[in-house]
Protein backbone atom coordinates (compact mmCIF):
# COMPACT_ATOMS: atom_id res chain seq x y z
CA UNK A 1 0.00 0.00 0.00
CA UNK A 2 1.28 3.48 -0.91
CA UNK A 3 1.12 5.85 2.06
CA UNK A 4 2.44 9.00 0.40
CA UNK A 5 1.92 9.94 -3.24
CA UNK A 6 4.91 10.36 -5.48
CA UNK A 7 4.40 13.56 -7.42
CA UNK A 8 7.00 13.98 -10.17
CA UNK A 9 6.13 17.67 -10.47
CA UNK A 10 7.18 18.49 -6.90
CA UNK A 11 10.73 19.71 -6.59
CA UNK A 12 12.78 18.50 -3.62
CA UNK A 13 15.01 21.58 -3.68
CA UNK A 14 14.38 25.28 -4.19
CA UNK A 15 12.29 26.22 -7.21
CA UNK A 16 14.58 28.34 -9.37
CA UNK A 17 12.97 29.47 -12.60
CA UNK A 18 14.64 30.61 -15.79
CA UNK A 19 12.77 32.94 -18.11
CA UNK A 20 14.00 33.57 -21.63
CA UNK A 21 12.95 37.02 -22.77
CA UNK A 22 13.57 39.98 -25.01
CA UNK A 23 13.25 43.39 -23.37
CA UNK A 24 13.12 46.87 -24.80
CA UNK A 25 14.49 50.13 -23.45
CA UNK A 26 13.31 53.57 -24.53
CA UNK A 27 14.15 54.18 -28.19
CA UNK A 28 15.23 50.56 -28.69
CA UNK A 29 13.34 48.73 -31.42
CA UNK A 30 15.56 45.62 -31.63
CA UNK A 31 15.48 44.61 -27.96
CA UNK A 32 17.99 42.85 -25.73
CA UNK A 33 17.97 39.08 -25.27
CA UNK A 34 17.82 38.12 -21.60
CA UNK A 35 17.82 35.14 -19.28
CA UNK A 36 16.20 35.84 -15.91
CA UNK A 37 16.80 33.50 -12.98
CA UNK A 38 14.81 33.78 -9.77
CA UNK A 39 13.36 31.72 -6.98
CA UNK A 40 9.56 31.67 -6.69
CA UNK A 41 6.82 29.40 -5.36
CA UNK A 42 5.14 29.09 -8.78
CA UNK A 43 5.47 30.24 -12.37
CA UNK A 44 2.87 33.03 -12.07
CA UNK A 45 4.83 34.61 -9.23
CA UNK A 46 8.07 34.15 -11.18
CA UNK A 47 6.62 36.03 -14.16
CA UNK A 48 5.34 38.91 -11.97
CA UNK A 49 8.64 39.25 -10.13
CA UNK A 50 10.62 39.11 -13.39
CA UNK A 51 8.49 41.86 -14.96
CA UNK A 52 8.85 44.02 -11.84
CA UNK A 53 12.64 43.58 -11.88
CA UNK A 54 12.79 44.50 -15.58
CA UNK A 55 10.74 47.64 -14.93
CA UNK A 56 13.12 48.59 -12.10
CA UNK A 57 16.03 48.20 -14.54
CA UNK A 58 14.40 50.68 -16.92
CA UNK A 59 12.89 48.33 -19.48
CA UNK A 60 9.60 49.60 -20.90
CA UNK A 61 8.40 46.37 -22.50
CA UNK A 62 9.31 42.69 -22.51
CA UNK A 63 8.41 39.61 -24.50
CA UNK A 64 8.67 36.54 -22.29
CA UNK A 65 9.35 33.63 -24.63
CA UNK A 66 9.86 30.62 -22.35
CA UNK A 67 9.75 29.74 -18.68
CA UNK A 68 11.11 26.63 -17.03
CA UNK A 69 12.77 25.35 -13.91
CA UNK A 70 16.51 24.97 -13.50
CA UNK A 71 16.85 21.29 -12.61
CA UNK A 72 20.61 21.19 -11.97
CA UNK A 73 23.05 23.73 -10.60
CA UNK A 74 24.71 25.40 -13.62
CA UNK A 75 28.49 25.03 -13.71
CA UNK A 76 29.27 27.69 -16.33
CA UNK A 77 29.17 31.46 -16.01
CA UNK A 78 27.17 33.65 -16.11
CA UNK A 79 24.39 31.21 -15.17
CA UNK A 80 26.25 29.76 -12.16
CA UNK A 81 26.47 33.18 -10.47
CA UNK A 82 22.91 34.04 -11.47
CA UNK A 83 21.67 30.75 -9.97
CA UNK A 84 23.48 31.50 -6.71
CA UNK A 85 21.96 34.97 -6.67
CA UNK A 86 18.50 33.49 -7.20
CA UNK A 87 19.04 31.16 -4.23
CA UNK A 88 19.85 34.25 -2.17
CA UNK A 89 16.56 35.93 -3.16
CA UNK A 90 17.78 38.10 -6.04
CA UNK A 91 16.26 38.36 -9.49
CA UNK A 92 19.29 37.76 -11.70
CA UNK A 93 19.15 39.28 -15.18
CA UNK A 94 21.68 38.08 -17.75
CA UNK A 95 22.00 40.32 -20.81
CA UNK A 96 23.17 39.04 -24.19
CA UNK A 97 24.45 41.53 -26.71
PDB file of N, CA and C in Angstrom:
ATOM      1  N   UNK A   1       0.833  -1.171   0.000  1.00  0.00           N
ATOM      2  CA  UNK A   1       0.000   0.000   0.000  1.00  0.00           C
ATOM      3  C   UNK A   1       0.884   1.243   0.000  1.00  0.00           C
ATOM      4  N   UNK A   2       0.537   2.219  -0.823  1.00  0.00           N
ATOM      5  CA  UNK A   2       1.282   3.478  -0.910  1.00  0.00           C
ATOM      6  C   UNK A   2       0.716   4.439   0.126  1.00  0.00           C
ATOM      7  N   UNK A   3       1.584   4.940   1.005  1.00  0.00           N
ATOM      8  CA  UNK A   3       1.122   5.845   2.055  1.00  0.00           C
ATOM      9  C   UNK A   3       1.308   7.308   1.703  1.00  0.00           C
ATOM     10  N   UNK A   4       2.268   7.612   0.835  1.00  0.00           N
ATOM     11  CA  UNK A   4       2.440   9.000   0.403  1.00  0.00           C
ATOM     12  C   UNK A   4       2.595   9.023  -1.111  1.00  0.00           C
ATOM     13  N   UNK A   5       1.853   9.898  -1.773  1.00  0.00           N
ATOM     14  CA  UNK A   5       1.917   9.938  -3.240  1.00  0.00           C
ATOM     15  C   UNK A   5       3.269  10.438  -3.723  1.00  0.00           C
ATOM     16  N   UNK A   6       3.684   9.920  -4.840  1.00  0.00           N
ATOM     17  CA  UNK A   6       4.914  10.362  -5.479  1.00  0.00           C
ATOM     18  C   UNK A   6       4.526  11.298  -6.611  1.00  0.00           C
ATOM     19  N   UNK A   7       4.748  12.570  -6.415  1.00  0.00           N
ATOM     20  CA  UNK A   7       4.404  13.562  -7.416  1.00  0.00           C
ATOM     21  C   UNK A   7       5.673  14.000  -8.131  1.00  0.00           C
ATOM     22  N   UNK A   8       5.802  13.643  -9.395  1.00  0.00           N
ATOM     23  CA  UNK A   8       6.998  13.980 -10.172  1.00  0.00           C
ATOM     24  C   UNK A   8       7.148  15.478 -10.399  1.00  0.00           C
ATOM     25  N   UNK A   9       6.071  16.229 -10.228  1.00  0.00           N
ATOM     26  CA  UNK A   9       6.130  17.675 -10.465  1.00  0.00           C
ATOM     27  C   UNK A   9       6.628  18.446  -9.256  1.00  0.00           C
ATOM     28  N   UNK A  10       6.733  17.803  -8.113  1.00  0.00           N
ATOM     29  CA  UNK A  10       7.182  18.492  -6.901  1.00  0.00           C
ATOM     30  C   UNK A  10       8.702  18.453  -6.838  1.00  0.00           C
ATOM     31  N   UNK A  11       9.287  19.612  -6.664  1.00  0.00           N
ATOM     32  CA  UNK A  11      10.733  19.714  -6.586  1.00  0.00           C
ATOM     33  C   UNK A  11      11.184  19.502  -5.144  1.00  0.00           C
ATOM     34  N   UNK A  12      12.248  18.731  -4.962  1.00  0.00           N
ATOM     35  CA  UNK A  12      12.784  18.502  -3.622  1.00  0.00           C
ATOM     36  C   UNK A  12      13.583  19.703  -3.137  1.00  0.00           C
ATOM     37  N   UNK A  13      14.191  20.430  -4.040  1.00  0.00           N
ATOM     38  CA  UNK A  13      15.009  21.580  -3.680  1.00  0.00           C
ATOM     39  C   UNK A  13      14.272  22.869  -3.941  1.00  0.00           C
ATOM     40  N   UNK A  14      15.000  23.979  -3.914  1.00  0.00           N
ATOM     41  CA  UNK A  14      14.377  25.284  -4.193  1.00  0.00           C
ATOM     42  C   UNK A  14      13.911  25.359  -5.645  1.00  0.00           C
ATOM     43  N   UNK A  15      12.826  26.066  -5.861  1.00  0.00           N
ATOM     44  CA  UNK A  15      12.288  26.217  -7.210  1.00  0.00           C
ATOM     45  C   UNK A  15      12.900  27.461  -7.844  1.00  0.00           C
ATOM     46  N   UNK A  16      13.930  27.242  -8.657  1.00  0.00           N
ATOM     47  CA  UNK A  16      14.583  28.337  -9.374  1.00  0.00           C
ATOM     48  C   UNK A  16      14.100  28.281 -10.818  1.00  0.00           C
ATOM     49  N   UNK A  17      13.509  29.373 -11.242  1.00  0.00           N
ATOM     50  CA  UNK A  17      12.974  29.472 -12.600  1.00  0.00           C
ATOM     51  C   UNK A  17      13.963  30.205 -13.494  1.00  0.00           C
ATOM     52  N   UNK A  18      13.925  29.847 -14.772  1.00  0.00           N
ATOM     53  CA  UNK A  18      14.642  30.608 -15.791  1.00  0.00           C
ATOM     54  C   UNK A  18      13.603  31.074 -16.803  1.00  0.00           C
ATOM     55  N   UNK A  19      13.669  32.350 -17.120  1.00  0.00           N
ATOM     56  CA  UNK A  19      12.769  32.936 -18.106  1.00  0.00           C
ATOM     57  C   UNK A  19      13.628  33.480 -19.229  1.00  0.00           C
ATOM     58  N   UNK A  20      13.305  33.077 -20.443  1.00  0.00           N
ATOM     59  CA  UNK A  20      14.002  33.574 -21.627  1.00  0.00           C
ATOM     60  C   UNK A  20      13.132  34.679 -22.208  1.00  0.00           C
ATOM     61  N   UNK A  21      13.732  35.851 -22.395  1.00  0.00           N
ATOM     62  CA  UNK A  21      12.948  37.020 -22.771  1.00  0.00           C
ATOM     63  C   UNK A  21      13.733  37.931 -23.706  1.00  0.00           C
ATOM     64  N   UNK A  22      13.000  38.855 -24.267  1.00  0.00           N
ATOM     65  CA  UNK A  22      13.573  39.981 -25.009  1.00  0.00           C
ATOM     66  C   UNK A  22      12.931  41.226 -24.414  1.00  0.00           C
ATOM     67  N   UNK A  23      13.765  42.178 -24.011  1.00  0.00           N
ATOM     68  CA  UNK A  23      13.250  43.389 -23.371  1.00  0.00           C
ATOM     69  C   UNK A  23      13.697  44.616 -24.152  1.00  0.00           C
ATOM     70  N   UNK A  24      12.907  45.661 -24.017  1.00  0.00           N
ATOM     71  CA  UNK A  24      13.118  46.871 -24.798  1.00  0.00           C
ATOM     72  C   UNK A  24      13.253  48.087 -23.888  1.00  0.00           C
ATOM     73  N   UNK A  25      14.292  48.873 -24.153  1.00  0.00           N
ATOM     74  CA  UNK A  25      14.490  50.134 -23.452  1.00  0.00           C
ATOM     75  C   UNK A  25      13.935  51.246 -24.337  1.00  0.00           C
ATOM     76  N   UNK A  26      13.840  52.446 -23.777  1.00  0.00           N
ATOM     77  CA  UNK A  26      13.306  53.575 -24.529  1.00  0.00           C
ATOM     78  C   UNK A  26      14.141  53.823 -25.778  1.00  0.00           C
ATOM     79  N   UNK A  27      13.468  53.925 -26.923  1.00  0.00           N
ATOM     80  CA  UNK A  27      14.148  54.181 -28.188  1.00  0.00           C
ATOM     81  C   UNK A  27      14.792  52.952 -28.811  1.00  0.00           C
ATOM     82  N   UNK A  28      14.625  51.802 -28.198  1.00  0.00           N
ATOM     83  CA  UNK A  28      15.234  50.559 -28.691  1.00  0.00           C
ATOM     84  C   UNK A  28      14.171  49.735 -29.390  1.00  0.00           C
ATOM     85  N   UNK A  29      14.336  49.524 -30.694  1.00  0.00           N
ATOM     86  CA  UNK A  29      13.342  48.730 -31.422  1.00  0.00           C
ATOM     87  C   UNK A  29      13.817  47.308 -31.704  1.00  0.00           C
ATOM     88  N   UNK A  30      15.073  46.984 -31.389  1.00  0.00           N
ATOM     89  CA  UNK A  30      15.562  45.619 -31.629  1.00  0.00           C
ATOM     90  C   UNK A  30      15.492  44.761 -30.375  1.00  0.00           C
ATOM     91  N   UNK A  31      15.581  45.349 -29.208  1.00  0.00           N
ATOM     92  CA  UNK A  31      15.482  44.610 -27.959  1.00  0.00           C
ATOM     93  C   UNK A  31      16.788  43.953 -27.550  1.00  0.00           C
ATOM     94  N   UNK A  32      16.828  43.519 -26.306  1.00  0.00           N
ATOM     95  CA  UNK A  32      17.988  42.846 -25.731  1.00  0.00           C
ATOM     96  C   UNK A  32      17.548  41.461 -25.282  1.00  0.00           C
ATOM     97  N   UNK A  33      18.274  40.441 -25.708  1.00  0.00           N
ATOM     98  CA  UNK A  33      17.972  39.083 -25.272  1.00  0.00           C
ATOM     99  C   UNK A  33      18.422  38.904 -23.830  1.00  0.00           C
ATOM    100  N   UNK A  34      17.560  38.280 -23.023  1.00  0.00           N
ATOM    101  CA  UNK A  34      17.817  38.116 -21.600  1.00  0.00           C
ATOM    102  C   UNK A  34      17.515  36.702 -21.133  1.00  0.00           C
ATOM    103  N   UNK A  35      18.203  36.287 -20.096  1.00  0.00           N
ATOM    104  CA  UNK A  35      17.823  35.140 -19.280  1.00  0.00           C
ATOM    105  C   UNK A  35      17.624  35.696 -17.878  1.00  0.00           C
ATOM    106  N   UNK A  36      16.518  35.365 -17.259  1.00  0.00           N
ATOM    107  CA  UNK A  36      16.203  35.837 -15.915  1.00  0.00           C
ATOM    108  C   UNK A  36      16.088  34.618 -15.015  1.00  0.00           C
ATOM    109  N   UNK A  37      16.867  34.587 -13.944  1.00  0.00           N
ATOM    110  CA  UNK A  37      16.800  33.498 -12.978  1.00  0.00           C
ATOM    111  C   UNK A  37      16.308  34.041 -11.651  1.00  0.00           C
ATOM    112  N   UNK A  38      15.357  33.361 -11.054  1.00  0.00           N
ATOM    113  CA  UNK A  38      14.813  33.777  -9.774  1.00  0.00           C
ATOM    114  C   UNK A  38      14.135  32.608  -9.085  1.00  0.00           C
ATOM    115  N   UNK A  39      14.032  32.728  -7.781  1.00  0.00           N
ATOM    116  CA  UNK A  39      13.360  31.719  -6.981  1.00  0.00           C
ATOM    117  C   UNK A  39      11.943  32.198  -6.716  1.00  0.00           C
ATOM    118  N   UNK A  40      10.960  31.310  -6.900  1.00  0.00           N
ATOM    119  CA  UNK A  40       9.561  31.671  -6.691  1.00  0.00           C
ATOM    120  C   UNK A  40       8.769  30.407  -6.353  1.00  0.00           C
ATOM    121  N   UNK A  41       7.619  30.571  -5.703  1.00  0.00           N
ATOM    122  CA  UNK A  41       6.818  29.402  -5.357  1.00  0.00           C
ATOM    123  C   UNK A  41       6.056  28.795  -6.533  1.00  0.00           C
ATOM    124  N   UNK A  42       5.848  29.592  -7.599  1.00  0.00           N
ATOM    125  CA  UNK A  42       5.138  29.090  -8.779  1.00  0.00           C
ATOM    126  C   UNK A  42       5.494  29.959  -9.982  1.00  0.00           C
ATOM    127  N   UNK A  43       5.082  29.513 -11.160  1.00  0.00           N
ATOM    128  CA  UNK A  43       5.469  30.235 -12.370  1.00  0.00           C
ATOM    129  C   UNK A  43       4.775  31.591 -12.504  1.00  0.00           C
ATOM    130  N   UNK A  44       3.546  31.730 -12.011  1.00  0.00           N
ATOM    131  CA  UNK A  44       2.872  33.033 -12.069  1.00  0.00           C
ATOM    132  C   UNK A  44       3.628  34.080 -11.255  1.00  0.00           C
ATOM    133  N   UNK A  45       4.063  33.697 -10.074  1.00  0.00           N
ATOM    134  CA  UNK A  45       4.833  34.609  -9.233  1.00  0.00           C
ATOM    135  C   UNK A  45       6.169  34.935  -9.887  1.00  0.00           C
ATOM    136  N   UNK A  46       6.791  33.931 -10.503  1.00  0.00           N
ATOM    137  CA  UNK A  46       8.069  34.148 -11.182  1.00  0.00           C
ATOM    138  C   UNK A  46       7.919  35.183 -12.293  1.00  0.00           C
ATOM    139  N   UNK A  47       6.853  35.083 -13.065  1.00  0.00           N
ATOM    140  CA  UNK A  47       6.623  36.034 -14.160  1.00  0.00           C
ATOM    141  C   UNK A  47       6.415  37.444 -13.601  1.00  0.00           C
ATOM    142  N   UNK A  48       5.584  37.576 -12.571  1.00  0.00           N
ATOM    143  CA  UNK A  48       5.335  38.905 -11.974  1.00  0.00           C
ATOM    144  C   UNK A  48       6.623  39.519 -11.440  1.00  0.00           C
ATOM    145  N   UNK A  49       7.407  38.731 -10.705  1.00  0.00           N
ATOM    146  CA  UNK A  49       8.643  39.251 -10.130  1.00  0.00           C
ATOM    147  C   UNK A  49       9.656  39.603 -11.223  1.00  0.00           C
ATOM    148  N   UNK A  50       9.706  38.814 -12.286  1.00  0.00           N
ATOM    149  CA  UNK A  50      10.618  39.113 -13.392  1.00  0.00           C
ATOM    150  C   UNK A  50      10.230  40.427 -14.067  1.00  0.00           C
ATOM    151  N   UNK A  51       8.946  40.619 -14.324  1.00  0.00           N
ATOM    152  CA  UNK A  51       8.495  41.859 -14.955  1.00  0.00           C
ATOM    153  C   UNK A  51       8.756  43.067 -14.067  1.00  0.00           C
ATOM    154  N   UNK A  52       8.551  42.924 -12.767  1.00  0.00           N
ATOM    155  CA  UNK A  52       8.848  44.019 -11.839  1.00  0.00           C
ATOM    156  C   UNK A  52      10.337  44.365 -11.852  1.00  0.00           C
ATOM    157  N   UNK A  53      11.190  43.344 -11.858  1.00  0.00           N
ATOM    158  CA  UNK A  53      12.638  43.580 -11.881  1.00  0.00           C
ATOM    159  C   UNK A  53      13.055  44.266 -13.183  1.00  0.00           C
ATOM    160  N   UNK A  54      12.466  43.865 -14.304  1.00  0.00           N
ATOM    161  CA  UNK A  54      12.791  44.498 -15.580  1.00  0.00           C
ATOM    162  C   UNK A  54      12.362  45.969 -15.575  1.00  0.00           C
ATOM    163  N   UNK A  55      11.206  46.253 -15.014  1.00  0.00           N
ATOM    164  CA  UNK A  55      10.741  47.641 -14.927  1.00  0.00           C
ATOM    165  C   UNK A  55      11.697  48.464 -14.065  1.00  0.00           C
ATOM    166  N   UNK A  56      12.173  47.883 -12.961  1.00  0.00           N
ATOM    167  CA  UNK A  56      13.125  48.592 -12.095  1.00  0.00           C
ATOM    168  C   UNK A  56      14.441  48.864 -12.805  1.00  0.00           C
ATOM    169  N   UNK A  57      14.803  48.016 -13.771  1.00  0.00           N
ATOM    170  CA  UNK A  57      16.030  48.200 -14.538  1.00  0.00           C
ATOM    171  C   UNK A  57      15.839  49.162 -15.709  1.00  0.00           C
ATOM    172  N   UNK A  58      14.638  49.685 -15.887  1.00  0.00           N
ATOM    173  CA  UNK A  58      14.397  50.678 -16.921  1.00  0.00           C
ATOM    174  C   UNK A  58      13.846  50.140 -18.224  1.00  0.00           C
ATOM    175  N   UNK A  59      13.483  48.881 -18.263  1.00  0.00           N
ATOM    176  CA  UNK A  59      12.887  48.330 -19.478  1.00  0.00           C
ATOM    177  C   UNK A  59      11.422  48.728 -19.541  1.00  0.00           C
ATOM    178  N   UNK A  60      10.979  49.144 -20.724  1.00  0.00           N
ATOM    179  CA  UNK A  60       9.600  49.599 -20.899  1.00  0.00           C
ATOM    180  C   UNK A  60       8.669  48.478 -21.306  1.00  0.00           C
ATOM    181  N   UNK A  61       9.216  47.463 -21.963  1.00  0.00           N
ATOM    182  CA  UNK A  61       8.402  46.372 -22.499  1.00  0.00           C
ATOM    183  C   UNK A  61       9.246  45.117 -22.539  1.00  0.00           C
ATOM    184  N   UNK A  62       8.579  43.960 -22.435  1.00  0.00           N
ATOM    185  CA  UNK A  62       9.308  42.693 -22.510  1.00  0.00           C
ATOM    186  C   UNK A  62       8.434  41.625 -23.140  1.00  0.00           C
ATOM    187  N   UNK A  63       9.055  40.802 -23.955  1.00  0.00           N
ATOM    188  CA  UNK A  63       8.412  39.609 -24.503  1.00  0.00           C
ATOM    189  C   UNK A  63       9.015  38.418 -23.778  1.00  0.00           C
ATOM    190  N   UNK A  64       8.198  37.718 -22.998  1.00  0.00           N
ATOM    191  CA  UNK A  64       8.672  36.539 -22.294  1.00  0.00           C
ATOM    192  C   UNK A  64       8.411  35.330 -23.192  1.00  0.00           C
ATOM    193  N   UNK A  65       9.481  34.694 -23.654  1.00  0.00           N
ATOM    194  CA  UNK A  65       9.354  33.626 -24.632  1.00  0.00           C
ATOM    195  C   UNK A  65       9.157  32.253 -24.006  1.00  0.00           C
ATOM    196  N   UNK A  66       9.929  31.934 -22.978  1.00  0.00           N
ATOM    197  CA  UNK A  66       9.856  30.617 -22.349  1.00  0.00           C
ATOM    198  C   UNK A  66      10.092  30.744 -20.857  1.00  0.00           C
ATOM    199  N   UNK A  67       9.487  29.825 -20.105  1.00  0.00           N
ATOM    200  CA  UNK A  67       9.751  29.736 -18.682  1.00  0.00           C
ATOM    201  C   UNK A  67       9.924  28.261 -18.333  1.00  0.00           C
ATOM    202  N   UNK A  68      10.870  28.002 -17.474  1.00  0.00           N
ATOM    203  CA  UNK A  68      11.110  26.633 -17.029  1.00  0.00           C
ATOM    204  C   UNK A  68      11.836  26.648 -15.702  1.00  0.00           C
ATOM    205  N   UNK A  69      12.053  25.472 -15.175  1.00  0.00           N
ATOM    206  CA  UNK A  69      12.771  25.353 -13.908  1.00  0.00           C
ATOM    207  C   UNK A  69      14.195  24.891 -14.187  1.00  0.00           C
ATOM    208  N   UNK A  70      15.121  25.412 -13.412  1.00  0.00           N
ATOM    209  CA  UNK A  70      16.508  24.970 -13.496  1.00  0.00           C
ATOM    210  C   UNK A  70      16.590  23.701 -12.649  1.00  0.00           C
ATOM    211  N   UNK A  71      16.882  22.577 -13.293  1.00  0.00           N
ATOM    212  CA  UNK A  71      16.854  21.288 -12.606  1.00  0.00           C
ATOM    213  C   UNK A  71      18.195  20.898 -11.995  1.00  0.00           C
ATOM    214  N   UNK A  72      19.272  21.475 -12.488  1.00  0.00           N
ATOM    215  CA  UNK A  72      20.609  21.193 -11.965  1.00  0.00           C
ATOM    216  C   UNK A  72      21.351  22.508 -11.778  1.00  0.00           C
ATOM    217  N   UNK A  73      22.253  22.527 -10.835  1.00  0.00           N
ATOM    218  CA  UNK A  73      23.050  23.727 -10.601  1.00  0.00           C
ATOM    219  C   UNK A  73      23.953  23.957 -11.810  1.00  0.00           C
ATOM    220  N   UNK A  74      23.851  25.122 -12.467  1.00  0.00           N
ATOM    221  CA  UNK A  74      24.714  25.404 -13.616  1.00  0.00           C
ATOM    222  C   UNK A  74      26.181  25.470 -13.184  1.00  0.00           C
ATOM    223  N   UNK A  75      27.063  24.993 -14.053  1.00  0.00           N
ATOM    224  CA  UNK A  75      28.489  25.033 -13.712  1.00  0.00           C
ATOM    225  C   UNK A  75      29.263  26.041 -14.557  1.00  0.00           C
ATOM    226  N   UNK A  76      28.595  26.695 -15.486  1.00  0.00           N
ATOM    227  CA  UNK A  76      29.267  27.686 -16.331  1.00  0.00           C
ATOM    228  C   UNK A  76      28.696  29.073 -16.070  1.00  0.00           C
ATOM    229  N   UNK A  77      29.582  30.064 -16.161  1.00  0.00           N
ATOM    230  CA  UNK A  77      29.165  31.458 -16.005  1.00  0.00           C
ATOM    231  C   UNK A  77      28.528  31.940 -17.302  1.00  0.00           C
ATOM    232  N   UNK A  78      27.618  32.865 -17.259  1.00  0.00           N
ATOM    233  CA  UNK A  78      27.165  33.647 -16.115  1.00  0.00           C
ATOM    234  C   UNK A  78      26.020  32.999 -15.339  1.00  0.00           C
ATOM    235  N   UNK A  79      25.546  31.840 -15.811  1.00  0.00           N
ATOM    236  CA  UNK A  79      24.389  31.209 -15.174  1.00  0.00           C
ATOM    237  C   UNK A  79      24.681  30.694 -13.762  1.00  0.00           C
ATOM    238  N   UNK A  80      25.912  30.269 -13.499  1.00  0.00           N
ATOM    239  CA  UNK A  80      26.253  29.761 -12.159  1.00  0.00           C
ATOM    240  C   UNK A  80      26.097  30.865 -11.118  1.00  0.00           C
ATOM    241  N   UNK A  81      26.604  32.048 -11.399  1.00  0.00           N
ATOM    242  CA  UNK A  81      26.473  33.176 -10.474  1.00  0.00           C
ATOM    243  C   UNK A  81      25.021  33.622 -10.359  1.00  0.00           C
ATOM    244  N   UNK A  82      24.313  33.629 -11.475  1.00  0.00           N
ATOM    245  CA  UNK A  82      22.911  34.038 -11.465  1.00  0.00           C
ATOM    246  C   UNK A  82      22.078  33.059 -10.637  1.00  0.00           C
ATOM    247  N   UNK A  83      22.381  31.770 -10.741  1.00  0.00           N
ATOM    248  CA  UNK A  83      21.674  30.751  -9.965  1.00  0.00           C
ATOM    249  C   UNK A  83      21.912  30.981  -8.477  1.00  0.00           C
ATOM    250  N   UNK A  84      23.158  31.240  -8.107  1.00  0.00           N
ATOM    251  CA  UNK A  84      23.485  31.495  -6.712  1.00  0.00           C
ATOM    252  C   UNK A  84      22.752  32.744  -6.208  1.00  0.00           C
ATOM    253  N   UNK A  85      22.698  33.767  -7.031  1.00  0.00           N
ATOM    254  CA  UNK A  85      21.957  34.973  -6.668  1.00  0.00           C
ATOM    255  C   UNK A  85      20.471  34.689  -6.470  1.00  0.00           C
ATOM    256  N   UNK A  86      19.914  33.851  -7.339  1.00  0.00           N
ATOM    257  CA  UNK A  86      18.498  33.486  -7.203  1.00  0.00           C
ATOM    258  C   UNK A  86      18.248  32.750  -5.894  1.00  0.00           C
ATOM    259  N   UNK A  87      19.168  31.872  -5.509  1.00  0.00           N
ATOM    260  CA  UNK A  87      19.038  31.157  -4.233  1.00  0.00           C
ATOM    261  C   UNK A  87      19.061  32.117  -3.047  1.00  0.00           C
ATOM    262  N   UNK A  88      19.738  33.249  -3.226  1.00  0.00           N
ATOM    263  CA  UNK A  88      19.845  34.255  -2.167  1.00  0.00           C
ATOM    264  C   UNK A  88      18.708  35.276  -2.213  1.00  0.00           C
ATOM    265  N   UNK A  89      17.735  35.070  -3.106  1.00  0.00           N
ATOM    266  CA  UNK A  89      16.564  35.933  -3.165  1.00  0.00           C
ATOM    267  C   UNK A  89      16.620  37.033  -4.199  1.00  0.00           C
ATOM    268  N   UNK A  90      17.668  37.069  -4.996  1.00  0.00           N
ATOM    269  CA  UNK A  90      17.784  38.098  -6.037  1.00  0.00           C
ATOM    270  C   UNK A  90      17.059  37.658  -7.303  1.00  0.00           C
ATOM    271  N   UNK A  91      16.715  38.628  -8.124  1.00  0.00           N
ATOM    272  CA  UNK A  91      16.261  38.364  -9.488  1.00  0.00           C
ATOM    273  C   UNK A  91      17.467  38.655 -10.367  1.00  0.00           C
ATOM    274  N   UNK A  92      18.073  37.613 -10.911  1.00  0.00           N
ATOM    275  CA  UNK A  92      19.292  37.755 -11.703  1.00  0.00           C
ATOM    276  C   UNK A  92      18.925  37.916 -13.176  1.00  0.00           C
ATOM    277  N   UNK A  93      19.422  38.988 -13.775  1.00  0.00           N
ATOM    278  CA  UNK A  93      19.154  39.279 -15.183  1.00  0.00           C
ATOM    279  C   UNK A  93      20.467  39.184 -15.942  1.00  0.00           C
ATOM    280  N   UNK A  94      20.502  38.262 -16.900  1.00  0.00           N
ATOM    281  CA  UNK A  94      21.684  38.082 -17.746  1.00  0.00           C
ATOM    282  C   UNK A  94      21.368  38.698 -19.109  1.00  0.00           C
ATOM    283  N   UNK A  95      22.179  39.651 -19.525  1.00  0.00           N
ATOM    284  CA  UNK A  95      21.997  40.323 -20.809  1.00  0.00           C
ATOM    285  C   UNK A  95      22.907  39.691 -21.865  1.00  0.00           C
ATOM    286  N   UNK A  96      22.380  39.515 -23.062  1.00  0.00           N
ATOM    287  CA  UNK A  96      23.168  39.036 -24.190  1.00  0.00           C
ATOM    288  C   UNK A  96      23.163  40.119 -25.261  1.00  0.00           C
ATOM    289  N   UNK A  97      24.346  40.543 -25.639  1.00  0.00           N
ATOM    290  CA  UNK A  97      24.453  41.528 -26.711  1.00  0.00           C
ATOM    291  C   UNK A  97      24.459  42.944 -26.279  1.00  0.00           C
TER     292      UNK A  97
END
